[in-house]
Amino acid sequence: MNLQSDDFELFDVPRRFEQDRSALDARWKALQREAHPDRFAAQGGAAQRVAMQWSVRINEAYQRLKDPLRRAAYLCELHGAPIRAEDNTAMPAAFLMQQMEWREALEEAGSTAELDALDDDVAQSQAAAIARCRQLIDEKADYAGAAQEVRALMFIARFGLDIEARRDQLGQ
């Protein structure tokens, strides 16, 4: 293992959006076994601390690689297309209109059925955006375009949390 490796090198998987989740899970378990601090008990505290650092690094990489949104953002960053979500909120007009419609629907939702329908619509939009990310990254190598999709996915994920908060408000 090399501390300079990116997450894909660490996990020995291709630097692509599309990943085999079971392969990631298996590799995570293997890396954790290899770096577990208990394996270094006989070598003393310093070796155990290094093993603990590796364990943390492995877990961070695994969290990034298994989450499509985080994986797409990471790939964009690796290829020189920073997400810059905090200062780049420009989105296409159609996406902004969709957001406004969802916000109105959320404010008007008064039942579980209405929230479920909105949640289903949001989930479909999220799945479509993830599919576009896969295509932009894996097929077109358009990392700037993928970065815009990642920003859209971040909006969608936050809105999903708003739906859950509304569910809690309704006590459902």
N, C-alpha and C. Protein backbone atom coordinates (compact mmCIF):
# COMPACT_ATOMS: atom_id res chain seq x y z
N MET A 1 0.84 -1.18 0.00
CA MET A 1 0.00 0.00 0.00
C MET A 1 0.89 1.24 0.00
N ASN A 2 0.43 2.23 -0.72
CA ASN A 2 1.19 3.46 -0.88
C ASN A 2 0.30 4.65 -0.49
N LEU A 3 0.79 5.48 0.41
CA LEU A 3 0.01 6.63 0.84
C LEU A 3 -0.27 7.61 -0.28
N GLN A 4 0.52 7.60 -1.33
CA GLN A 4 0.34 8.51 -2.46
C GLN A 4 -0.71 8.01 -3.45
N SER A 5 -1.18 6.80 -3.27
CA SER A 5 -2.16 6.22 -4.20
C SER A 5 -3.50 6.93 -4.08
N ASP A 6 -4.18 7.08 -5.23
CA ASP A 6 -5.56 7.57 -5.14
C ASP A 6 -6.44 6.38 -4.73
N ASP A 7 -7.69 6.66 -4.48
CA ASP A 7 -8.61 5.63 -3.98
C ASP A 7 -8.71 4.44 -4.93
N PHE A 8 -8.70 4.72 -6.22
CA PHE A 8 -8.84 3.65 -7.20
C PHE A 8 -7.61 2.74 -7.19
N GLU A 9 -6.43 3.34 -7.12
CA GLU A 9 -5.20 2.54 -7.03
C GLU A 9 -5.18 1.74 -5.73
N LEU A 10 -5.56 2.38 -4.64
CA LEU A 10 -5.58 1.70 -3.35
C LEU A 10 -6.46 0.46 -3.40
N PHE A 11 -7.61 0.59 -4.04
CA PHE A 11 -8.56 -0.52 -4.11
C PHE A 11 -8.33 -1.42 -5.33
N ASP A 12 -7.34 -1.05 -6.15
CA ASP A 12 -7.00 -1.84 -7.33
C ASP A 12 -8.22 -2.05 -8.23
N VAL A 13 -8.92 -0.94 -8.50
CA VAL A 13 -10.07 -0.96 -9.40
C VAL A 13 -9.84 0.10 -10.47
N PRO A 14 -10.49 -0.03 -11.62
CA PRO A 14 -10.30 0.95 -12.69
C PRO A 14 -10.80 2.34 -12.27
N ARG A 15 -10.17 3.35 -12.79
CA ARG A 15 -10.53 4.73 -12.49
C ARG A 15 -11.72 5.09 -13.38
N ARG A 16 -12.87 4.57 -13.00
CA ARG A 16 -14.12 4.75 -13.75
C ARG A 16 -15.25 5.03 -12.78
N PHE A 17 -16.34 5.58 -13.31
CA PHE A 17 -17.53 5.79 -12.48
C PHE A 17 -18.18 4.45 -12.16
N GLU A 18 -18.36 3.64 -13.19
CA GLU A 18 -19.02 2.34 -13.01
C GLU A 18 -18.12 1.43 -12.19
N GLN A 19 -18.63 0.96 -11.06
CA GLN A 19 -17.87 0.07 -10.18
C GLN A 19 -18.74 -1.11 -9.76
N ASP A 20 -18.11 -2.21 -9.52
CA ASP A 20 -18.77 -3.42 -9.02
C ASP A 20 -18.77 -3.33 -7.49
N ARG A 21 -19.95 -3.10 -6.92
CA ARG A 21 -20.04 -2.89 -5.47
C ARG A 21 -19.53 -4.11 -4.69
N SER A 22 -19.81 -5.30 -5.15
CA SER A 22 -19.35 -6.49 -4.42
C SER A 22 -17.83 -6.57 -4.45
N ALA A 23 -17.21 -6.17 -5.55
CA ALA A 23 -15.74 -6.16 -5.63
C ALA A 23 -15.17 -5.11 -4.68
N LEU A 24 -15.81 -3.94 -4.61
CA LEU A 24 -15.37 -2.91 -3.66
C LEU A 24 -15.47 -3.42 -2.22
N ASP A 25 -16.60 -4.06 -1.91
CA ASP A 25 -16.80 -4.59 -0.56
C ASP A 25 -15.74 -5.63 -0.21
N ALA A 26 -15.48 -6.53 -1.14
CA ALA A 26 -14.49 -7.59 -0.90
C ALA A 26 -13.09 -6.99 -0.73
N ARG A 27 -12.75 -6.03 -1.56
CA ARG A 27 -11.43 -5.40 -1.47
C ARG A 27 -11.29 -4.62 -0.17
N TRP A 28 -12.36 -3.94 0.27
CA TRP A 28 -12.35 -3.21 1.54
C TRP A 28 -12.05 -4.17 2.69
N LYS A 29 -12.73 -5.30 2.71
CA LYS A 29 -12.50 -6.29 3.78
C LYS A 29 -11.06 -6.79 3.76
N ALA A 30 -10.55 -7.07 2.57
CA ALA A 30 -9.17 -7.57 2.45
C ALA A 30 -8.17 -6.51 2.92
N LEU A 31 -8.38 -5.27 2.52
CA LEU A 31 -7.47 -4.19 2.95
C LEU A 31 -7.55 -3.97 4.45
N GLN A 32 -8.74 -4.05 4.99
CA GLN A 32 -8.89 -3.86 6.45
C GLN A 32 -8.19 -4.99 7.22
N ARG A 33 -8.30 -6.20 6.71
CA ARG A 33 -7.59 -7.32 7.36
C ARG A 33 -6.08 -7.07 7.33
N GLU A 34 -5.60 -6.61 6.18
CA GLU A 34 -4.17 -6.38 6.00
C GLU A 34 -3.65 -5.27 6.91
N ALA A 35 -4.45 -4.24 7.13
CA ALA A 35 -4.00 -3.08 7.88
C ALA A 35 -4.50 -3.05 9.32
N HIS A 36 -5.19 -4.09 9.76
CA HIS A 36 -5.77 -4.06 11.11
C HIS A 36 -4.66 -3.91 12.16
N PRO A 37 -4.82 -2.95 13.08
CA PRO A 37 -3.80 -2.70 14.10
C PRO A 37 -3.42 -3.92 14.95
N ASP A 38 -4.34 -4.83 15.16
CA ASP A 38 -4.03 -6.03 15.96
C ASP A 38 -2.95 -6.89 15.31
N ARG A 39 -2.86 -6.83 13.98
CA ARG A 39 -1.83 -7.60 13.29
C ARG A 39 -0.43 -7.07 13.60
N PHE A 40 -0.35 -5.86 14.13
CA PHE A 40 0.94 -5.22 14.38
C PHE A 40 1.24 -5.08 15.87
N ALA A 41 0.49 -5.80 16.70
CA ALA A 41 0.66 -5.70 18.15
C ALA A 41 2.08 -6.05 18.59
N ALA A 42 2.66 -7.04 17.97
CA ALA A 42 4.01 -7.47 18.37
C ALA A 42 5.08 -6.46 17.95
N GLN A 43 4.74 -5.57 17.04
CA GLN A 43 5.72 -4.60 16.54
C GLN A 43 5.70 -3.29 17.31
N GLY A 44 4.81 -3.18 18.28
CA GLY A 44 4.80 -2.00 19.13
C GLY A 44 3.77 -0.95 18.75
N GLY A 45 3.73 0.09 19.58
CA GLY A 45 2.74 1.13 19.45
C GLY A 45 2.85 1.94 18.17
N ALA A 46 4.08 2.23 17.73
CA ALA A 46 4.25 3.03 16.52
C ALA A 46 3.67 2.30 15.31
N ALA A 47 3.94 1.02 15.20
CA ALA A 47 3.42 0.23 14.07
C ALA A 47 1.89 0.17 14.14
N GLN A 48 1.35 0.07 15.34
CA GLN A 48 -0.10 0.04 15.48
C GLN A 48 -0.72 1.38 15.08
N ARG A 49 -0.06 2.48 15.42
CA ARG A 49 -0.58 3.80 15.04
C ARG A 49 -0.57 3.96 13.51
N VAL A 50 0.49 3.51 12.87
CA VAL A 50 0.56 3.57 11.41
C VAL A 50 -0.56 2.70 10.81
N ALA A 51 -0.76 1.53 11.38
CA ALA A 51 -1.83 0.65 10.90
C ALA A 51 -3.20 1.31 11.09
N MET A 52 -3.36 2.01 12.18
CA MET A 52 -4.63 2.71 12.43
C MET A 52 -4.83 3.82 11.38
N GLN A 53 -3.76 4.53 11.04
CA GLN A 53 -3.85 5.56 10.01
C GLN A 53 -4.25 4.94 8.66
N TRP A 54 -3.66 3.79 8.37
CA TRP A 54 -4.02 3.09 7.13
C TRP A 54 -5.49 2.66 7.16
N SER A 55 -5.92 2.19 8.30
CA SER A 55 -7.30 1.75 8.42
C SER A 55 -8.26 2.92 8.16
N VAL A 56 -7.93 4.08 8.70
CA VAL A 56 -8.74 5.28 8.47
C VAL A 56 -8.72 5.64 6.99
N ARG A 57 -7.54 5.62 6.38
CA ARG A 57 -7.40 5.94 4.95
C ARG A 57 -8.23 4.99 4.09
N ILE A 58 -8.18 3.71 4.42
CA ILE A 58 -8.94 2.70 3.68
C ILE A 58 -10.44 2.96 3.80
N ASN A 59 -10.90 3.28 5.02
CA ASN A 59 -12.32 3.56 5.24
C ASN A 59 -12.77 4.80 4.48
N GLU A 60 -11.94 5.84 4.48
CA GLU A 60 -12.28 7.06 3.73
C GLU A 60 -12.41 6.77 2.25
N ALA A 61 -11.47 6.03 1.71
CA ALA A 61 -11.51 5.67 0.29
C ALA A 61 -12.75 4.84 -0.03
N TYR A 62 -13.06 3.90 0.84
CA TYR A 62 -14.22 3.04 0.63
C TYR A 62 -15.51 3.86 0.62
N GLN A 63 -15.63 4.80 1.55
CA GLN A 63 -16.83 5.64 1.61
C GLN A 63 -16.98 6.45 0.32
N ARG A 64 -15.87 6.95 -0.21
CA ARG A 64 -15.90 7.72 -1.46
C ARG A 64 -16.26 6.83 -2.65
N LEU A 65 -15.66 5.66 -2.72
CA LEU A 65 -15.85 4.80 -3.89
C LEU A 65 -17.23 4.14 -3.94
N LYS A 66 -17.81 3.86 -2.80
CA LYS A 66 -19.10 3.15 -2.82
C LYS A 66 -20.29 4.07 -3.05
N ASP A 67 -20.12 5.37 -2.86
CA ASP A 67 -21.20 6.34 -3.02
C ASP A 67 -21.10 6.97 -4.42
N PRO A 68 -22.11 6.77 -5.27
CA PRO A 68 -22.02 7.30 -6.64
C PRO A 68 -21.76 8.81 -6.70
N LEU A 69 -22.39 9.58 -5.84
CA LEU A 69 -22.19 11.03 -5.86
C LEU A 69 -20.76 11.39 -5.47
N ARG A 70 -20.27 10.81 -4.39
CA ARG A 70 -18.91 11.09 -3.95
C ARG A 70 -17.88 10.57 -4.94
N ARG A 71 -18.16 9.41 -5.54
CA ARG A 71 -17.24 8.84 -6.53
C ARG A 71 -17.15 9.74 -7.76
N ALA A 72 -18.30 10.23 -8.24
CA ALA A 72 -18.31 11.11 -9.40
C ALA A 72 -17.56 12.40 -9.09
N ALA A 73 -17.80 12.97 -7.93
CA ALA A 73 -17.11 14.21 -7.54
C ALA A 73 -15.61 13.97 -7.48
N TYR A 74 -15.20 12.86 -6.92
CA TYR A 74 -13.78 12.52 -6.79
C TYR A 74 -13.13 12.36 -8.17
N LEU A 75 -13.81 11.67 -9.07
CA LEU A 75 -13.28 11.51 -10.43
C LEU A 75 -13.14 12.85 -11.13
N CYS A 76 -14.12 13.71 -10.96
CA CYS A 76 -14.03 15.05 -11.57
C CYS A 76 -12.83 15.79 -11.02
N GLU A 77 -12.65 15.75 -9.72
CA GLU A 77 -11.52 16.43 -9.08
C GLU A 77 -10.19 15.85 -9.60
N LEU A 78 -10.10 14.53 -9.67
CA LEU A 78 -8.88 13.89 -10.16
C LEU A 78 -8.53 14.30 -11.58
N HIS A 79 -9.55 14.63 -12.37
CA HIS A 79 -9.34 14.99 -13.77
C HIS A 79 -9.41 16.50 -14.00
N GLY A 80 -9.20 17.26 -12.95
CA GLY A 80 -9.08 18.71 -13.11
C GLY A 80 -10.37 19.47 -13.31
N ALA A 81 -11.49 18.89 -12.89
CA ALA A 81 -12.79 19.57 -12.99
C ALA A 81 -13.39 19.68 -11.60
N PRO A 82 -12.91 20.64 -10.82
CA PRO A 82 -13.41 20.76 -9.44
C PRO A 82 -14.91 21.05 -9.40
N ILE A 83 -15.57 20.55 -8.39
CA ILE A 83 -17.01 20.71 -8.24
C ILE A 83 -17.36 22.15 -7.85
N ARG A 84 -16.62 22.71 -6.93
CA ARG A 84 -16.81 24.09 -6.47
C ARG A 84 -18.27 24.39 -6.16
N ALA A 85 -18.94 23.49 -5.46
CA ALA A 85 -20.36 23.66 -5.16
C ALA A 85 -20.63 24.89 -4.32
N GLU A 86 -19.65 25.29 -3.50
CA GLU A 86 -19.87 26.43 -2.61
C GLU A 86 -19.88 27.76 -3.36
N ASP A 87 -19.23 27.85 -4.51
CA ASP A 87 -19.20 29.12 -5.23
C ASP A 87 -19.66 29.01 -6.69
N ASN A 88 -20.08 27.82 -7.12
CA ASN A 88 -20.58 27.66 -8.48
C ASN A 88 -21.95 26.99 -8.40
N THR A 89 -22.97 27.82 -8.31
CA THR A 89 -24.33 27.30 -8.19
C THR A 89 -25.14 27.51 -9.46
N ALA A 90 -24.48 27.90 -10.53
CA ALA A 90 -25.18 28.09 -11.81
C ALA A 90 -25.71 26.75 -12.31
N MET A 91 -26.98 26.74 -12.62
CA MET A 91 -27.62 25.52 -13.11
C MET A 91 -28.49 25.87 -14.31
N PRO A 92 -28.75 24.90 -15.19
CA PRO A 92 -29.62 25.15 -16.33
C PRO A 92 -31.03 25.58 -15.87
N ALA A 93 -31.66 26.40 -16.67
CA ALA A 93 -32.99 26.92 -16.34
C ALA A 93 -34.00 25.80 -16.09
N ALA A 94 -33.96 24.76 -16.90
CA ALA A 94 -34.92 23.65 -16.74
C ALA A 94 -34.74 22.98 -15.37
N PHE A 95 -33.50 22.84 -14.94
CA PHE A 95 -33.25 22.23 -13.63
C PHE A 95 -33.79 23.14 -12.52
N LEU A 96 -33.57 24.44 -12.65
CA LEU A 96 -34.05 25.38 -11.63
C LEU A 96 -35.57 25.39 -11.57
N MET A 97 -36.22 25.29 -12.73
CA MET A 97 -37.69 25.22 -12.76
C MET A 97 -38.18 23.96 -12.06
N GLN A 98 -37.48 22.85 -12.30
CA GLN A 98 -37.85 21.59 -11.63
C GLN A 98 -37.71 21.73 -10.12
N GLN A 99 -36.64 22.38 -9.69
CA GLN A 99 -36.44 22.60 -8.25
C GLN A 99 -37.58 23.43 -7.66
N MET A 100 -38.00 24.47 -8.37
CA MET A 100 -39.09 25.32 -7.89
C MET A 100 -40.39 24.52 -7.80
N GLU A 101 -40.66 23.69 -8.81
CA GLU A 101 -41.87 22.86 -8.79
C GLU A 101 -41.83 21.90 -7.61
N TRP A 102 -40.67 21.29 -7.37
CA TRP A 102 -40.55 20.37 -6.23
C TRP A 102 -40.77 21.10 -4.92
N ARG A 103 -40.18 22.29 -4.79
CA ARG A 103 -40.34 23.08 -3.56
C ARG A 103 -41.81 23.39 -3.30
N GLU A 104 -42.52 23.79 -4.36
CA GLU A 104 -43.95 24.08 -4.21
C GLU A 104 -44.71 22.82 -3.80
N ALA A 105 -44.39 21.71 -4.44
CA ALA A 105 -45.06 20.45 -4.11
C ALA A 105 -44.77 20.05 -2.67
N LEU A 106 -43.55 20.28 -2.24
CA LEU A 106 -43.19 19.94 -0.87
C LEU A 106 -43.96 20.79 0.14
N GLU A 107 -44.05 22.08 -0.14
CA GLU A 107 -44.78 22.98 0.76
C GLU A 107 -46.26 22.62 0.82
N GLU A 108 -46.81 22.17 -0.30
CA GLU A 108 -48.24 21.85 -0.37
C GLU A 108 -48.56 20.44 0.11
N ALA A 109 -47.54 19.59 0.20
CA ALA A 109 -47.78 18.18 0.57
C ALA A 109 -48.38 18.10 1.98
N GLY A 110 -49.49 17.41 2.06
CA GLY A 110 -50.15 17.26 3.35
C GLY A 110 -50.39 15.82 3.73
N SER A 111 -49.87 14.89 2.95
CA SER A 111 -50.09 13.47 3.24
C SER A 111 -48.87 12.65 2.87
N THR A 112 -48.84 11.45 3.40
CA THR A 112 -47.76 10.51 3.07
C THR A 112 -47.78 10.19 1.58
N ALA A 113 -48.96 10.04 1.02
CA ALA A 113 -49.06 9.70 -0.41
C ALA A 113 -48.45 10.80 -1.27
N GLU A 114 -48.71 12.05 -0.92
CA GLU A 114 -48.14 13.16 -1.70
C GLU A 114 -46.62 13.20 -1.55
N LEU A 115 -46.14 12.97 -0.34
CA LEU A 115 -44.69 12.93 -0.12
C LEU A 115 -44.05 11.75 -0.84
N ASP A 116 -44.73 10.60 -0.83
CA ASP A 116 -44.21 9.42 -1.54
C ASP A 116 -44.11 9.67 -3.04
N ALA A 117 -45.12 10.33 -3.61
CA ALA A 117 -45.10 10.63 -5.04
C ALA A 117 -43.96 11.59 -5.36
N LEU A 118 -43.78 12.59 -4.52
CA LEU A 118 -42.68 13.55 -4.73
C LEU A 118 -41.34 12.84 -4.58
N ASP A 119 -41.22 11.99 -3.58
CA ASP A 119 -39.99 11.23 -3.35
C ASP A 119 -39.67 10.34 -4.54
N ASP A 120 -40.69 9.71 -5.12
CA ASP A 120 -40.49 8.86 -6.31
C ASP A 120 -39.99 9.70 -7.49
N ASP A 121 -40.56 10.88 -7.67
CA ASP A 121 -40.14 11.76 -8.76
C ASP A 121 -38.68 12.19 -8.57
N VAL A 122 -38.34 12.53 -7.36
CA VAL A 122 -36.96 12.93 -7.05
C VAL A 122 -36.00 11.75 -7.27
N ALA A 123 -36.41 10.57 -6.84
CA ALA A 123 -35.56 9.38 -7.02
C ALA A 123 -35.33 9.09 -8.50
N GLN A 124 -36.35 9.29 -9.33
CA GLN A 124 -36.18 9.09 -10.78
C GLN A 124 -35.20 10.11 -11.36
N SER A 125 -35.31 11.35 -10.91
CA SER A 125 -34.39 12.39 -11.38
C SER A 125 -32.96 12.09 -10.93
N GLN A 126 -32.84 11.58 -9.72
CA GLN A 126 -31.52 11.23 -9.19
C GLN A 126 -30.91 10.09 -10.01
N ALA A 127 -31.70 9.08 -10.29
CA ALA A 127 -31.20 7.95 -11.08
C ALA A 127 -30.79 8.40 -12.48
N ALA A 128 -31.56 9.31 -13.07
CA ALA A 128 -31.21 9.82 -14.41
C ALA A 128 -29.91 10.63 -14.36
N ALA A 129 -29.73 11.43 -13.31
CA ALA A 129 -28.50 12.22 -13.18
C ALA A 129 -27.30 11.32 -12.96
N ILE A 130 -27.46 10.25 -12.20
CA ILE A 130 -26.37 9.30 -11.98
C ILE A 130 -26.01 8.62 -13.30
N ALA A 131 -27.03 8.27 -14.08
CA ALA A 131 -26.77 7.65 -15.40
C ALA A 131 -26.03 8.63 -16.31
N ARG A 132 -26.40 9.91 -16.26
CA ARG A 132 -25.69 10.91 -17.07
C ARG A 132 -24.24 11.04 -16.60
N CYS A 133 -24.02 10.99 -15.29
CA CYS A 133 -22.64 11.05 -14.76
C CYS A 133 -21.82 9.89 -15.31
N ARG A 134 -22.40 8.69 -15.26
CA ARG A 134 -21.69 7.52 -15.78
C ARG A 134 -21.32 7.72 -17.24
N GLN A 135 -22.27 8.19 -18.02
CA GLN A 135 -22.02 8.40 -19.44
C GLN A 135 -20.97 9.48 -19.67
N LEU A 136 -21.10 10.60 -18.97
CA LEU A 136 -20.15 11.70 -19.16
C LEU A 136 -18.73 11.31 -18.75
N ILE A 137 -18.62 10.53 -17.67
CA ILE A 137 -17.29 10.16 -17.18
C ILE A 137 -16.73 8.98 -17.96
N ASP A 138 -17.47 7.89 -18.00
CA ASP A 138 -16.93 6.65 -18.57
C ASP A 138 -16.92 6.61 -20.09
N GLU A 139 -17.90 7.23 -20.73
CA GLU A 139 -17.99 7.15 -22.18
C GLU A 139 -17.42 8.37 -22.89
N LYS A 140 -17.61 9.55 -22.30
CA LYS A 140 -17.21 10.78 -22.99
C LYS A 140 -15.99 11.46 -22.39
N ALA A 141 -15.58 11.04 -21.20
CA ALA A 141 -14.48 11.71 -20.49
C ALA A 141 -14.72 13.22 -20.40
N ASP A 142 -15.98 13.61 -20.23
CA ASP A 142 -16.38 15.02 -20.11
C ASP A 142 -16.53 15.33 -18.61
N TYR A 143 -15.41 15.64 -17.99
CA TYR A 143 -15.41 15.84 -16.54
C TYR A 143 -16.04 17.16 -16.15
N ALA A 144 -15.94 18.18 -16.99
CA ALA A 144 -16.61 19.46 -16.70
C ALA A 144 -18.13 19.26 -16.73
N GLY A 145 -18.62 18.53 -17.72
CA GLY A 145 -20.05 18.22 -17.79
C GLY A 145 -20.48 17.38 -16.61
N ALA A 146 -19.65 16.43 -16.24
CA ALA A 146 -19.97 15.57 -15.09
C ALA A 146 -19.98 16.39 -13.80
N ALA A 147 -19.10 17.38 -13.69
CA ALA A 147 -19.08 18.23 -12.50
C ALA A 147 -20.41 18.97 -12.35
N GLN A 148 -20.98 19.41 -13.46
CA GLN A 148 -22.29 20.07 -13.40
C GLN A 148 -23.36 19.08 -12.94
N GLU A 149 -23.30 17.85 -13.44
CA GLU A 149 -24.25 16.82 -12.98
C GLU A 149 -24.08 16.53 -11.50
N VAL A 150 -22.84 16.53 -11.03
CA VAL A 150 -22.59 16.31 -9.60
C VAL A 150 -23.23 17.42 -8.78
N ARG A 151 -23.09 18.66 -9.24
CA ARG A 151 -23.74 19.77 -8.52
C ARG A 151 -25.25 19.58 -8.50
N ALA A 152 -25.82 19.13 -9.61
CA ALA A 152 -27.26 18.86 -9.65
C ALA A 152 -27.61 17.74 -8.66
N LEU A 153 -26.79 16.71 -8.63
CA LEU A 153 -27.04 15.61 -7.69
C LEU A 153 -26.96 16.08 -6.24
N MET A 154 -26.10 17.03 -5.97
CA MET A 154 -26.01 17.57 -4.61
C MET A 154 -27.30 18.30 -4.23
N PHE A 155 -27.86 19.07 -5.17
CA PHE A 155 -29.14 19.72 -4.94
C PHE A 155 -30.22 18.66 -4.67
N ILE A 156 -30.24 17.64 -5.51
CA ILE A 156 -31.26 16.59 -5.39
C ILE A 156 -31.14 15.87 -4.04
N ALA A 157 -29.91 15.57 -3.63
CA ALA A 157 -29.71 14.88 -2.35
C ALA A 157 -30.19 15.75 -1.19
N ARG A 158 -29.88 17.05 -1.25
CA ARG A 158 -30.36 17.95 -0.18
C ARG A 158 -31.88 18.02 -0.17
N PHE A 159 -32.47 18.03 -1.35
CA PHE A 159 -33.94 18.08 -1.41
C PHE A 159 -34.54 16.80 -0.83
N GLY A 160 -33.89 15.67 -1.06
CA GLY A 160 -34.35 14.42 -0.45
C GLY A 160 -34.38 14.52 1.06
N LEU A 161 -33.41 15.19 1.64
CA LEU A 161 -33.40 15.42 3.10
C LEU A 161 -34.56 16.32 3.51
N ASP A 162 -34.88 17.30 2.66
CA ASP A 162 -36.01 18.18 2.95
C ASP A 162 -37.33 17.40 2.94
N ILE A 163 -37.44 16.43 2.06
CA ILE A 163 -38.65 15.59 2.03
C ILE A 163 -38.76 14.83 3.34
N GLU A 164 -37.65 14.28 3.80
CA GLU A 164 -37.67 13.53 5.07
C GLU A 164 -38.03 14.45 6.24
N ALA A 165 -37.50 15.67 6.22
CA ALA A 165 -37.84 16.62 7.28
C ALA A 165 -39.34 16.95 7.25
N ARG A 166 -39.89 17.10 6.06
CA ARG A 166 -41.33 17.36 5.93
C ARG A 166 -42.14 16.18 6.44
N ARG A 167 -41.65 14.98 6.17
CA ARG A 167 -42.30 13.77 6.67
C ARG A 167 -42.37 13.81 8.20
N ASP A 168 -41.24 14.20 8.80
CA ASP A 168 -41.18 14.31 10.26
C ASP A 168 -42.14 15.37 10.77
N GLN A 169 -42.26 16.50 10.06
CA GLN A 169 -43.19 17.56 10.46
C GLN A 169 -44.62 17.07 10.46
N LEU A 170 -44.94 16.26 9.47
CA LEU A 170 -46.30 15.74 9.37
C LEU A 170 -46.55 14.62 10.36
N GLY A 171 -45.45 14.16 11.00
CA GLY A 171 -45.58 13.06 11.95
C GLY A 171 -45.89 11.73 11.30
N GLN A 172 -45.35 11.55 10.09
CA GLN A 172 -45.66 10.33 9.34
C GLN A 172 -44.42 9.57 9.03
